[in-house]
Amino acid sequence: MVLFRRLLGDVLRSARMQRGMTLRELSAEARVSLGYISEIERGQKEASSELLASLCQAMDLPLSEVLRDVADAVAIEEIAIGIAASAQLSSARPTGDVVASAA
């Protein structure tokens, strides 16, 4: 199952680190507790739209870019899950010839 909050956290952490910001700096700039940001980045807490906007503003990052990156990550995970499910179905199919008879 794809967890949006986990992927959002990954995207936010990556953006913060690319900007060379520490959690403490982001916390001060966004006026959000350091612990809460940490929980969001680890996918343990859901971010409200207001909080997400505040984090994006503090990183000078368009919200649309964050959402686009998260959507791309969701799509990649969905594809991976689909491939894994197809592989499981293929390995579960009987090998050999199947003969059908009408009784």
PDB file of N, CA and C in Angstrom:
ATOM      1  N   MET A   1       0.843  -1.180   0.000  1.00  0.00           N
ATOM      2  CA  MET A   1       0.000   0.000   0.000  1.00  0.00           C
ATOM      3  C   MET A   1       0.894   1.251   0.000  1.00  0.00           C
ATOM      4  N   VAL A   2       0.494   2.210  -0.794  1.00  0.00           N
ATOM      5  CA  VAL A   2       1.238   3.457  -0.909  1.00  0.00           C
ATOM      6  C   VAL A   2       0.742   4.426   0.168  1.00  0.00           C
ATOM      7  N   LEU A   3       1.667   4.918   0.968  1.00  0.00           N
ATOM      8  CA  LEU A   3       1.318   5.892   2.002  1.00  0.00           C
ATOM      9  C   LEU A   3       1.742   7.294   1.547  1.00  0.00           C
ATOM     10  N   PHE A   4       0.757   8.130   1.295  1.00  0.00           N
ATOM     11  CA  PHE A   4       1.019   9.492   0.844  1.00  0.00           C
ATOM     12  C   PHE A   4       1.889  10.243   1.839  1.00  0.00           C
ATOM     13  N   ARG A   5       1.593  10.080   3.143  1.00  0.00           N
ATOM     14  CA  ARG A   5       2.338  10.856   4.147  1.00  0.00           C
ATOM     15  C   ARG A   5       3.819  10.480   4.174  1.00  0.00           C
ATOM     16  N   ARG A   6       4.133   9.220   3.910  1.00  0.00           N
ATOM     17  CA  ARG A   6       5.536   8.799   3.884  1.00  0.00           C
ATOM     18  C   ARG A   6       6.263   9.418   2.688  1.00  0.00           C
ATOM     19  N   LEU A   7       5.603   9.384   1.540  1.00  0.00           N
ATOM     20  CA  LEU A   7       6.221   9.951   0.342  1.00  0.00           C
ATOM     21  C   LEU A   7       6.333  11.469   0.442  1.00  0.00           C
ATOM     22  N   LEU A   8       5.334  12.114   1.022  1.00  0.00           N
ATOM     23  CA  LEU A   8       5.407  13.558   1.246  1.00  0.00           C
ATOM     24  C   LEU A   8       6.589  13.884   2.153  1.00  0.00           C
ATOM     25  N   GLY A   9       6.758  13.115   3.208  1.00  0.00           N
ATOM     26  CA  GLY A   9       7.888  13.325   4.113  1.00  0.00           C
ATOM     27  C   GLY A   9       9.219  13.182   3.410  1.00  0.00           C
ATOM     28  N   ASP A  10       9.321  12.177   2.539  1.00  0.00           N
ATOM     29  CA  ASP A  10      10.559  11.977   1.777  1.00  0.00           C
ATOM     30  C   ASP A  10      10.860  13.182   0.895  1.00  0.00           C
ATOM     31  N   VAL A  11       9.829  13.686   0.224  1.00  0.00           N
ATOM     32  CA  VAL A  11      10.008  14.838  -0.670  1.00  0.00           C
ATOM     33  C   VAL A  11      10.403  16.085   0.126  1.00  0.00           C
ATOM     34  N   LEU A  12       9.730  16.311   1.251  1.00  0.00           N
ATOM     35  CA  LEU A  12      10.058  17.481   2.065  1.00  0.00           C
ATOM     36  C   LEU A  12      11.470  17.403   2.631  1.00  0.00           C
ATOM     37  N   ARG A  13      11.864  16.223   3.127  1.00  0.00           N
ATOM     38  CA  ARG A  13      13.220  16.064   3.662  1.00  0.00           C
ATOM     39  C   ARG A  13      14.257  16.310   2.573  1.00  0.00           C
ATOM     40  N   SER A  14      14.022  15.739   1.399  1.00  0.00           N
ATOM     41  CA  SER A  14      14.956  15.924   0.291  1.00  0.00           C
ATOM     42  C   SER A  14      15.079  17.399  -0.083  1.00  0.00           C
ATOM     43  N   ALA A  15      13.952  18.102  -0.152  1.00  0.00           N
ATOM     44  CA  ALA A  15      13.973  19.528  -0.492  1.00  0.00           C
ATOM     45  C   ALA A  15      14.731  20.327   0.566  1.00  0.00           C
ATOM     46  N   ARG A  16      14.487  20.003   1.829  1.00  0.00           N
ATOM     47  CA  ARG A  16      15.178  20.717   2.920  1.00  0.00           C
ATOM     48  C   ARG A  16      16.680  20.493   2.835  1.00  0.00           C
ATOM     49  N   MET A  17      17.067  19.257   2.631  1.00  0.00           N
ATOM     50  CA  MET A  17      18.495  18.936   2.583  1.00  0.00           C
ATOM     51  C   MET A  17      19.167  19.540   1.354  1.00  0.00           C
ATOM     52  N   GLN A  18      18.461  19.564   0.218  1.00  0.00           N
ATOM     53  CA  GLN A  18      19.023  20.187  -0.986  1.00  0.00           C
ATOM     54  C   GLN A  18      19.279  21.677  -0.771  1.00  0.00           C
ATOM     55  N   ARG A  19      18.497  22.285   0.099  1.00  0.00           N
ATOM     56  CA  ARG A  19      18.675  23.701   0.400  1.00  0.00           C
ATOM     57  C   ARG A  19      19.680  23.922   1.521  1.00  0.00           C
ATOM     58  N   GLY A  20      20.215  22.849   2.063  1.00  0.00           N
ATOM     59  CA  GLY A  20      21.206  22.948   3.128  1.00  0.00           C
ATOM     60  C   GLY A  20      20.622  23.425   4.441  1.00  0.00           C
ATOM     61  N   MET A  21      19.318  23.193   4.638  1.00  0.00           N
ATOM     62  CA  MET A  21      18.656  23.641   5.862  1.00  0.00           C
ATOM     63  C   MET A  21      18.615  22.512   6.884  1.00  0.00           C
ATOM     64  N   THR A  22      18.798  22.875   8.131  1.00  0.00           N
ATOM     65  CA  THR A  22      18.614  21.916   9.215  1.00  0.00           C
ATOM     66  C   THR A  22      17.145  21.949   9.635  1.00  0.00           C
ATOM     67  N   LEU A  23      16.745  20.927  10.387  1.00  0.00           N
ATOM     68  CA  LEU A  23      15.391  20.929  10.941  1.00  0.00           C
ATOM     69  C   LEU A  23      15.169  22.166  11.809  1.00  0.00           C
ATOM     70  N   ARG A  24      16.185  22.536  12.558  1.00  0.00           N
ATOM     71  CA  ARG A  24      16.081  23.695  13.443  1.00  0.00           C
ATOM     72  C   ARG A  24      15.842  24.980  12.635  1.00  0.00           C
ATOM     73  N   GLU A  25      16.564  25.130  11.544  1.00  0.00           N
ATOM     74  CA  GLU A  25      16.394  26.322  10.705  1.00  0.00           C
ATOM     75  C   GLU A  25      14.997  26.357  10.070  1.00  0.00           C
ATOM     76  N   LEU A  26      14.556  25.217   9.560  1.00  0.00           N
ATOM     77  CA  LEU A  26      13.228  25.156   8.959  1.00  0.00           C
ATOM     78  C   LEU A  26      12.156  25.420  10.002  1.00  0.00           C
ATOM     79  N   SER A  27      12.350  24.861  11.175  1.00  0.00           N
ATOM     80  CA  SER A  27      11.405  25.055  12.266  1.00  0.00           C
ATOM     81  C   SER A  27      11.262  26.539  12.606  1.00  0.00           C
ATOM     82  N   ALA A  28      12.373  27.223  12.720  1.00  0.00           N
ATOM     83  CA  ALA A  28      12.352  28.653  13.058  1.00  0.00           C
ATOM     84  C   ALA A  28      11.714  29.474  11.942  1.00  0.00           C
ATOM     85  N   GLU A  29      12.075  29.153  10.715  1.00  0.00           N
ATOM     86  CA  GLU A  29      11.563  29.917   9.566  1.00  0.00           C
ATOM     87  C   GLU A  29      10.066  29.681   9.353  1.00  0.00           C
ATOM     88  N   ALA A  30       9.619  28.448   9.516  1.00  0.00           N
ATOM     89  CA  ALA A  30       8.211  28.105   9.273  1.00  0.00           C
ATOM     90  C   ALA A  30       7.344  28.302  10.510  1.00  0.00           C
ATOM     91  N   ARG A  31       8.000  28.493  11.660  1.00  0.00           N
ATOM     92  CA  ARG A  31       7.287  28.627  12.939  1.00  0.00           C
ATOM     93  C   ARG A  31       6.439  27.392  13.245  1.00  0.00           C
ATOM     94  N   VAL A  32       7.108  26.245  13.059  1.00  0.00           N
ATOM     95  CA  VAL A  32       6.504  24.936  13.340  1.00  0.00           C
ATOM     96  C   VAL A  32       7.498  24.195  14.208  1.00  0.00           C
ATOM     97  N   SER A  33       7.014  23.435  15.176  1.00  0.00           N
ATOM     98  CA  SER A  33       7.940  22.765  16.088  1.00  0.00           C
ATOM     99  C   SER A  33       8.832  21.783  15.333  1.00  0.00           C
ATOM    100  N   LEU A  34      10.075  21.742  15.768  1.00  0.00           N
ATOM    101  CA  LEU A  34      11.067  20.867  15.171  1.00  0.00           C
ATOM    102  C   LEU A  34      10.598  19.414  15.224  1.00  0.00           C
ATOM    103  N   GLY A  35      10.063  18.991  16.354  1.00  0.00           N
ATOM    104  CA  GLY A  35       9.606  17.607  16.507  1.00  0.00           C
ATOM    105  C   GLY A  35       8.493  17.253  15.544  1.00  0.00           C
ATOM    106  N   TYR A  36       7.589  18.211  15.322  1.00  0.00           N
ATOM    107  CA  TYR A  36       6.472  17.947  14.410  1.00  0.00           C
ATOM    108  C   TYR A  36       6.964  17.817  12.970  1.00  0.00           C
ATOM    109  N   ILE A  37       7.886  18.683  12.580  1.00  0.00           N
ATOM    110  CA  ILE A  37       8.459  18.589  11.226  1.00  0.00           C
ATOM    111  C   ILE A  37       9.168  17.249  11.062  1.00  0.00           C
ATOM    112  N   SER A  38       9.891  16.847  12.083  1.00  0.00           N
ATOM    113  CA  SER A  38      10.588  15.564  12.037  1.00  0.00           C
ATOM    114  C   SER A  38       9.607  14.410  11.836  1.00  0.00           C
ATOM    115  N   GLU A  39       8.490  14.451  12.553  1.00  0.00           N
ATOM    116  CA  GLU A  39       7.483  13.397  12.409  1.00  0.00           C
ATOM    117  C   GLU A  39       6.858  13.407  11.018  1.00  0.00           C
ATOM    118  N   ILE A  40       6.674  14.576  10.453  1.00  0.00           N
ATOM    119  CA  ILE A  40       6.143  14.672   9.085  1.00  0.00           C
ATOM    120  C   ILE A  40       7.147  14.091   8.103  1.00  0.00           C
ATOM    121  N   GLU A  41       8.413  14.451   8.250  1.00  0.00           N
ATOM    122  CA  GLU A  41       9.441  13.941   7.346  1.00  0.00           C
ATOM    123  C   GLU A  41       9.586  12.423   7.432  1.00  0.00           C
ATOM    124  N   ARG A  42       9.314  11.849   8.590  1.00  0.00           N
ATOM    125  CA  ARG A  42       9.400  10.396   8.756  1.00  0.00           C
ATOM    126  C   ARG A  42       8.100   9.689   8.393  1.00  0.00           C
ATOM    127  N   GLY A  43       7.104  10.456   7.959  1.00  0.00           N
ATOM    128  CA  GLY A  43       5.835   9.873   7.549  1.00  0.00           C
ATOM    129  C   GLY A  43       4.968   9.409   8.692  1.00  0.00           C
ATOM    130  N   GLN A  44       5.218   9.934   9.886  1.00  0.00           N
ATOM    131  CA  GLN A  44       4.454   9.528  11.064  1.00  0.00           C
ATOM    132  C   GLN A  44       3.253  10.421  11.325  1.00  0.00           C
ATOM    133  N   LYS A  45       3.267  11.623  10.790  1.00  0.00           N
ATOM    134  CA  LYS A  45       2.168  12.574  10.979  1.00  0.00           C
ATOM    135  C   LYS A  45       1.714  13.098   9.631  1.00  0.00           C
ATOM    136  N   GLU A  46       0.428  13.420   9.556  1.00  0.00           N
ATOM    137  CA  GLU A  46      -0.136  14.047   8.362  1.00  0.00           C
ATOM    138  C   GLU A  46       0.091  15.557   8.457  1.00  0.00           C
ATOM    139  N   ALA A  47       0.414  16.170   7.353  1.00  0.00           N
ATOM    140  CA  ALA A  47       0.596  17.620   7.321  1.00  0.00           C
ATOM    141  C   ALA A  47      -0.678  18.275   6.810  1.00  0.00           C
ATOM    142  N   SER A  48      -1.183  19.252   7.541  1.00  0.00           N
ATOM    143  CA  SER A  48      -2.345  20.006   7.058  1.00  0.00           C
ATOM    144  C   SER A  48      -1.903  20.860   5.872  1.00  0.00           C
ATOM    145  N   SER A  49      -2.870  21.344   5.128  1.00  0.00           N
ATOM    146  CA  SER A  49      -2.534  22.192   3.985  1.00  0.00           C
ATOM    147  C   SER A  49      -1.861  23.481   4.447  1.00  0.00           C
ATOM    148  N   GLU A  50      -2.276  24.010   5.594  1.00  0.00           N
ATOM    149  CA  GLU A  50      -1.665  25.231   6.117  1.00  0.00           C
ATOM    150  C   GLU A  50      -0.212  24.987   6.527  1.00  0.00           C
ATOM    151  N   LEU A  51       0.027  23.868   7.182  1.00  0.00           N
ATOM    152  CA  LEU A  51       1.385  23.543   7.605  1.00  0.00           C
ATOM    153  C   LEU A  51       2.281  23.308   6.394  1.00  0.00           C
ATOM    154  N   LEU A  52       1.757  22.593   5.425  1.00  0.00           N
ATOM    155  CA  LEU A  52       2.523  22.326   4.209  1.00  0.00           C
ATOM    156  C   LEU A  52       2.865  23.630   3.493  1.00  0.00           C
ATOM    157  N   ALA A  53       1.919  24.536   3.419  1.00  0.00           N
ATOM    158  CA  ALA A  53       2.174  25.838   2.794  1.00  0.00           C
ATOM    159  C   ALA A  53       3.254  26.598   3.553  1.00  0.00           C
ATOM    160  N   SER A  54       3.226  26.532   4.878  1.00  0.00           N
ATOM    161  CA  SER A  54       4.223  27.216   5.697  1.00  0.00           C
ATOM    162  C   SER A  54       5.619  26.635   5.468  1.00  0.00           C
ATOM    163  N   LEU A  55       5.709  25.323   5.399  1.00  0.00           N
ATOM    164  CA  LEU A  55       7.007  24.674   5.149  1.00  0.00           C
ATOM    165  C   LEU A  55       7.538  25.040   3.770  1.00  0.00           C
ATOM    166  N   CYS A  56       6.658  25.016   2.779  1.00  0.00           N
ATOM    167  CA  CYS A  56       7.081  25.368   1.421  1.00  0.00           C
ATOM    168  C   CYS A  56       7.542  26.816   1.345  1.00  0.00           C
ATOM    169  N   GLN A  57       6.804  27.694   1.985  1.00  0.00           N
ATOM    170  CA  GLN A  57       7.182  29.104   1.979  1.00  0.00           C
ATOM    171  C   GLN A  57       8.542  29.297   2.653  1.00  0.00           C
ATOM    172  N   ALA A  58       8.774  28.599   3.751  1.00  0.00           N
ATOM    173  CA  ALA A  58      10.039  28.719   4.469  1.00  0.00           C
ATOM    174  C   ALA A  58      11.213  28.220   3.633  1.00  0.00           C
ATOM    175  N   MET A  59      10.952  27.275   2.735  1.00  0.00           N
ATOM    176  CA  MET A  59      12.017  26.749   1.871  1.00  0.00           C
ATOM    177  C   MET A  59      12.033  27.429   0.512  1.00  0.00           C
ATOM    178  N   ASP A  60      11.158  28.443   0.325  1.00  0.00           N
ATOM    179  CA  ASP A  60      11.038  29.133  -0.959  1.00  0.00           C
ATOM    180  C   ASP A  60      10.824  28.112  -2.078  1.00  0.00           C
ATOM    181  N   LEU A  61       9.841  27.270  -1.846  1.00  0.00           N
ATOM    182  CA  LEU A  61       9.550  26.142  -2.726  1.00  0.00           C
ATOM    183  C   LEU A  61       8.070  26.176  -3.083  1.00  0.00           C
ATOM    184  N   PRO A  62       7.735  26.174  -4.366  1.00  0.00           N
ATOM    185  CA  PRO A  62       6.316  26.178  -4.733  1.00  0.00           C
ATOM    186  C   PRO A  62       5.615  24.901  -4.256  1.00  0.00           C
ATOM    187  N   LEU A  63       4.455  25.073  -3.674  1.00  0.00           N
ATOM    188  CA  LEU A  63       3.666  23.928  -3.224  1.00  0.00           C
ATOM    189  C   LEU A  63       3.370  22.992  -4.391  1.00  0.00           C
ATOM    190  N   SER A  64       3.113  23.554  -5.556  1.00  0.00           N
ATOM    191  CA  SER A  64       2.820  22.724  -6.735  1.00  0.00           C
ATOM    192  C   SER A  64       3.977  21.788  -7.066  1.00  0.00           C
ATOM    193  N   GLU A  65       5.205  22.244  -6.833  1.00  0.00           N
ATOM    194  CA  GLU A  65       6.375  21.402  -7.103  1.00  0.00           C
ATOM    195  C   GLU A  65       6.437  20.227  -6.123  1.00  0.00           C
ATOM    196  N   VAL A  66       6.151  20.496  -4.866  1.00  0.00           N
ATOM    197  CA  VAL A  66       6.135  19.433  -3.859  1.00  0.00           C
ATOM    198  C   VAL A  66       5.067  18.407  -4.211  1.00  0.00           C
ATOM    199  N   LEU A  67       3.873  18.879  -4.519  1.00  0.00           N
ATOM    200  CA  LEU A  67       2.779  17.961  -4.841  1.00  0.00           C
ATOM    201  C   LEU A  67       3.063  17.164  -6.114  1.00  0.00           C
ATOM    202  N   ARG A  68       3.699  17.793  -7.088  1.00  0.00           N
ATOM    203  CA  ARG A  68       4.066  17.096  -8.318  1.00  0.00           C
ATOM    204  C   ARG A  68       5.096  15.998  -8.020  1.00  0.00           C
ATOM    205  N   ASP A  69       6.091  16.316  -7.191  1.00  0.00           N
ATOM    206  CA  ASP A  69       7.106  15.326  -6.831  1.00  0.00           C
ATOM    207  C   ASP A  69       6.494  14.162  -6.057  1.00  0.00           C
ATOM    208  N   VAL A  70       5.558  14.463  -5.173  1.00  0.00           N
ATOM    209  CA  VAL A  70       4.887  13.403  -4.417  1.00  0.00           C
ATOM    210  C   VAL A  70       4.043  12.550  -5.362  1.00  0.00           C
ATOM    211  N   ALA A  71       3.331  13.189  -6.287  1.00  0.00           N
ATOM    212  CA  ALA A  71       2.518  12.444  -7.250  1.00  0.00           C
ATOM    213  C   ALA A  71       3.391  11.517  -8.092  1.00  0.00           C
ATOM    214  N   ASP A  72       4.560  11.988  -8.499  1.00  0.00           N
ATOM    215  CA  ASP A  72       5.483  11.141  -9.260  1.00  0.00           C
ATOM    216  C   ASP A  72       5.940   9.948  -8.424  1.00  0.00           C
ATOM    217  N   ALA A  73       6.239  10.187  -7.154  1.00  0.00           N
ATOM    218  CA  ALA A  73       6.672   9.106  -6.267  1.00  0.00           C
ATOM    219  C   ALA A  73       5.551   8.093  -6.055  1.00  0.00           C
ATOM    220  N   VAL A  74       4.319   8.568  -5.933  1.00  0.00           N
ATOM    221  CA  VAL A  74       3.166   7.671  -5.786  1.00  0.00           C
ATOM    222  C   VAL A  74       3.035   6.802  -7.042  1.00  0.00           C
ATOM    223  N   ALA A  75       3.141   7.419  -8.203  1.00  0.00           N
ATOM    224  CA  ALA A  75       3.022   6.680  -9.460  1.00  0.00           C
ATOM    225  C   ALA A  75       4.095   5.594  -9.567  1.00  0.00           C
ATOM    226  N   ILE A  76       5.314   5.917  -9.172  1.00  0.00           N
ATOM    227  CA  ILE A  76       6.407   4.935  -9.222  1.00  0.00           C
ATOM    228  C   ILE A  76       6.114   3.773  -8.290  1.00  0.00           C
ATOM    229  N   GLU A  77       5.638   4.058  -7.089  1.00  0.00           N
ATOM    230  CA  GLU A  77       5.312   2.979  -6.141  1.00  0.00           C
ATOM    231  C   GLU A  77       4.152   2.135  -6.647  1.00  0.00           C
ATOM    232  N   GLU A  78       3.156   2.769  -7.251  1.00  0.00           N
ATOM    233  CA  GLU A  78       2.021   2.013  -7.788  1.00  0.00           C
ATOM    234  C   GLU A  78       2.476   1.074  -8.898  1.00  0.00           C
ATOM    235  N   ILE A  79       3.375   1.550  -9.747  1.00  0.00           N
ATOM    236  CA  ILE A  79       3.909   0.704 -10.811  1.00  0.00           C
ATOM    237  C   ILE A  79       4.681  -0.464 -10.214  1.00  0.00           C
ATOM    238  N   ALA A  80       5.506  -0.180  -9.212  1.00  0.00           N
ATOM    239  CA  ALA A  80       6.294  -1.238  -8.564  1.00  0.00           C
ATOM    240  C   ALA A  80       5.380  -2.273  -7.913  1.00  0.00           C
ATOM    241  N   ILE A  81       4.312  -1.814  -7.274  1.00  0.00           N
ATOM    242  CA  ILE A  81       3.367  -2.732  -6.651  1.00  0.00           C
ATOM    243  C   ILE A  81       2.679  -3.571  -7.721  1.00  0.00           C
ATOM    244  N   GLY A  82       2.321  -2.940  -8.829  1.00  0.00           N
ATOM    245  CA  GLY A  82       1.685  -3.667  -9.934  1.00  0.00           C
ATOM    246  C   GLY A  82       2.596  -4.713 -10.528  1.00  0.00           C
ATOM    247  N   ILE A  83       3.862  -4.387 -10.676  1.00  0.00           N
ATOM    248  CA  ILE A  83       4.837  -5.350 -11.216  1.00  0.00           C
ATOM    249  C   ILE A  83       5.011  -6.511 -10.252  1.00  0.00           C
ATOM    250  N   ALA A  84       5.106  -6.206  -8.957  1.00  0.00           N
ATOM    251  CA  ALA A  84       5.266  -7.268  -7.956  1.00  0.00           C
ATOM    252  C   ALA A  84       4.034  -8.166  -7.930  1.00  0.00           C
ATOM    253  N   ALA A  85       2.851  -7.578  -8.047  1.00  0.00           N
ATOM    254  CA  ALA A  85       1.621  -8.376  -8.047  1.00  0.00           C
ATOM    255  C   ALA A  85       1.557  -9.261  -9.290  1.00  0.00           C
ATOM    256  N   SER A  86       1.968  -8.734 -10.432  1.00  0.00           N
ATOM    257  CA  SER A  86       1.982  -9.529 -11.664  1.00  0.00           C
ATOM    258  C   SER A  86       2.959 -10.688 -11.557  1.00  0.00           C
ATOM    259  N   ALA A  87       4.111 -10.427 -10.953  1.00  0.00           N
ATOM    260  CA  ALA A  87       5.108 -11.488 -10.784  1.00  0.00           C
ATOM    261  C   ALA A  87       4.577 -12.585  -9.872  1.00  0.00           C
ATOM    262  N   GLN A  88       3.860 -12.205  -8.818  1.00  0.00           N
ATOM    263  CA  GLN A  88       3.288 -13.198  -7.906  1.00  0.00           C
ATOM    264  C   GLN A  88       2.234 -14.022  -8.616  1.00  0.00           C
ATOM    265  N   LEU A  89       1.422 -13.384  -9.438  1.00  0.00           N
ATOM    266  CA  LEU A  89       0.404 -14.115 -10.187  1.00  0.00           C
ATOM    267  C   LEU A  89       1.046 -15.084 -11.163  1.00  0.00           C
ATOM    268  N   SER A  90       2.104 -14.641 -11.818  1.00  0.00           N
ATOM    269  CA  SER A  90       2.791 -15.500 -12.781  1.00  0.00           C
ATOM    270  C   SER A  90       3.397 -16.714 -12.100  1.00  0.00           C
ATOM    271  N   SER A  91       3.989 -16.512 -10.935  1.00  0.00           N
ATOM    272  CA  SER A  91       4.621 -17.638 -10.249  1.00  0.00           C
ATOM    273  C   SER A  91       3.590 -18.565  -9.622  1.00  0.00           C
ATOM    274  N   ALA A  92       2.382 -18.082  -9.399  1.00  0.00           N
ATOM    275  CA  ALA A  92       1.332 -18.907  -8.802  1.00  0.00           C
ATOM    276  C   ALA A  92       0.597 -19.731  -9.845  1.00  0.00           C
ATOM    277  N   ARG A  93       0.745 -19.395 -11.098  1.00  0.00           N
ATOM    278  CA  ARG A  93       0.064 -20.144 -12.159  1.00  0.00           C
ATOM    279  C   ARG A  93       0.705 -21.515 -12.307  1.00  0.00           C
ATOM    280  N   PRO A  94      -0.112 -22.536 -12.560  1.00  0.00           N
ATOM    281  CA  PRO A  94       0.453 -23.871 -12.750  1.00  0.00           C
ATOM    282  C   PRO A  94       1.250 -23.929 -14.045  1.00  0.00           C
ATOM    283  N   THR A  95       2.307 -24.685 -13.993  1.00  0.00           N
ATOM    284  CA  THR A  95       3.102 -24.878 -15.200  1.00  0.00           C
ATOM    285  C   THR A  95       2.652 -26.154 -15.865  1.00  0.00           C
ATOM    286  N   GLY A  96       2.867 -26.243 -17.126  1.00  0.00           N
ATOM    287  CA  GLY A  96       2.436 -27.446 -17.840  1.00  0.00           C
ATOM    288  C   GLY A  96       1.130 -27.182 -18.571  1.00  0.00           C
ATOM    289  N   ASP A  97       0.717 -28.184 -19.296  1.00  0.00           N
ATOM    290  CA  ASP A  97      -0.504 -28.048 -20.089  1.00  0.00           C
ATOM    291  C   ASP A  97      -1.742 -28.259 -19.243  1.00  0.00           C
ATOM    292  N   VAL A  98      -2.718 -27.492 -19.530  1.00  0.00           N
ATOM    293  CA  VAL A  98      -4.004 -27.634 -18.859  1.00  0.00           C
ATOM    294  C   VAL A  98      -4.993 -28.139 -19.902  1.00  0.00           C
ATOM    295  N   VAL A  99      -5.640 -29.235 -19.588  1.00  0.00           N
ATOM    296  CA  VAL A  99      -6.595 -29.805 -20.515  1.00  0.00           C
ATOM    297  C   VAL A  99      -7.985 -29.627 -19.930  1.00  0.00           C
ATOM    298  N   ALA A 100      -8.862 -29.057 -20.714  1.00  0.00           N
ATOM    299  CA  ALA A 100     -10.228 -28.864 -20.277  1.00  0.00           C
ATOM    300  C   ALA A 100     -11.103 -29.911 -20.922  1.00  0.00           C
ATOM    301  N   SER A 101     -12.017 -30.451 -20.169  1.00  0.00           N
ATOM    302  CA  SER A 101     -12.935 -31.406 -20.756  1.00  0.00           C
ATOM    303  C   SER A 101     -14.347 -31.017 -20.368  1.00  0.00           C
ATOM    304  N   ALA A 102     -15.263 -31.287 -21.266  1.00  0.00           N
ATOM    305  CA  ALA A 102     -16.663 -31.009 -20.992  1.00  0.00           C
ATOM    306  C   ALA A 102     -17.300 -32.290 -20.488  1.00  0.00           C
ATOM    307  N   ALA A 103     -17.900 -32.212 -19.366  1.00  0.00           N
ATOM    308  CA  ALA A 103     -18.491 -33.428 -18.820  1.00  0.00           C
ATOM    309  C   ALA A 103     -19.973 -33.446 -18.994  1.00  0.00           C
TER     310      ALA A 103
END
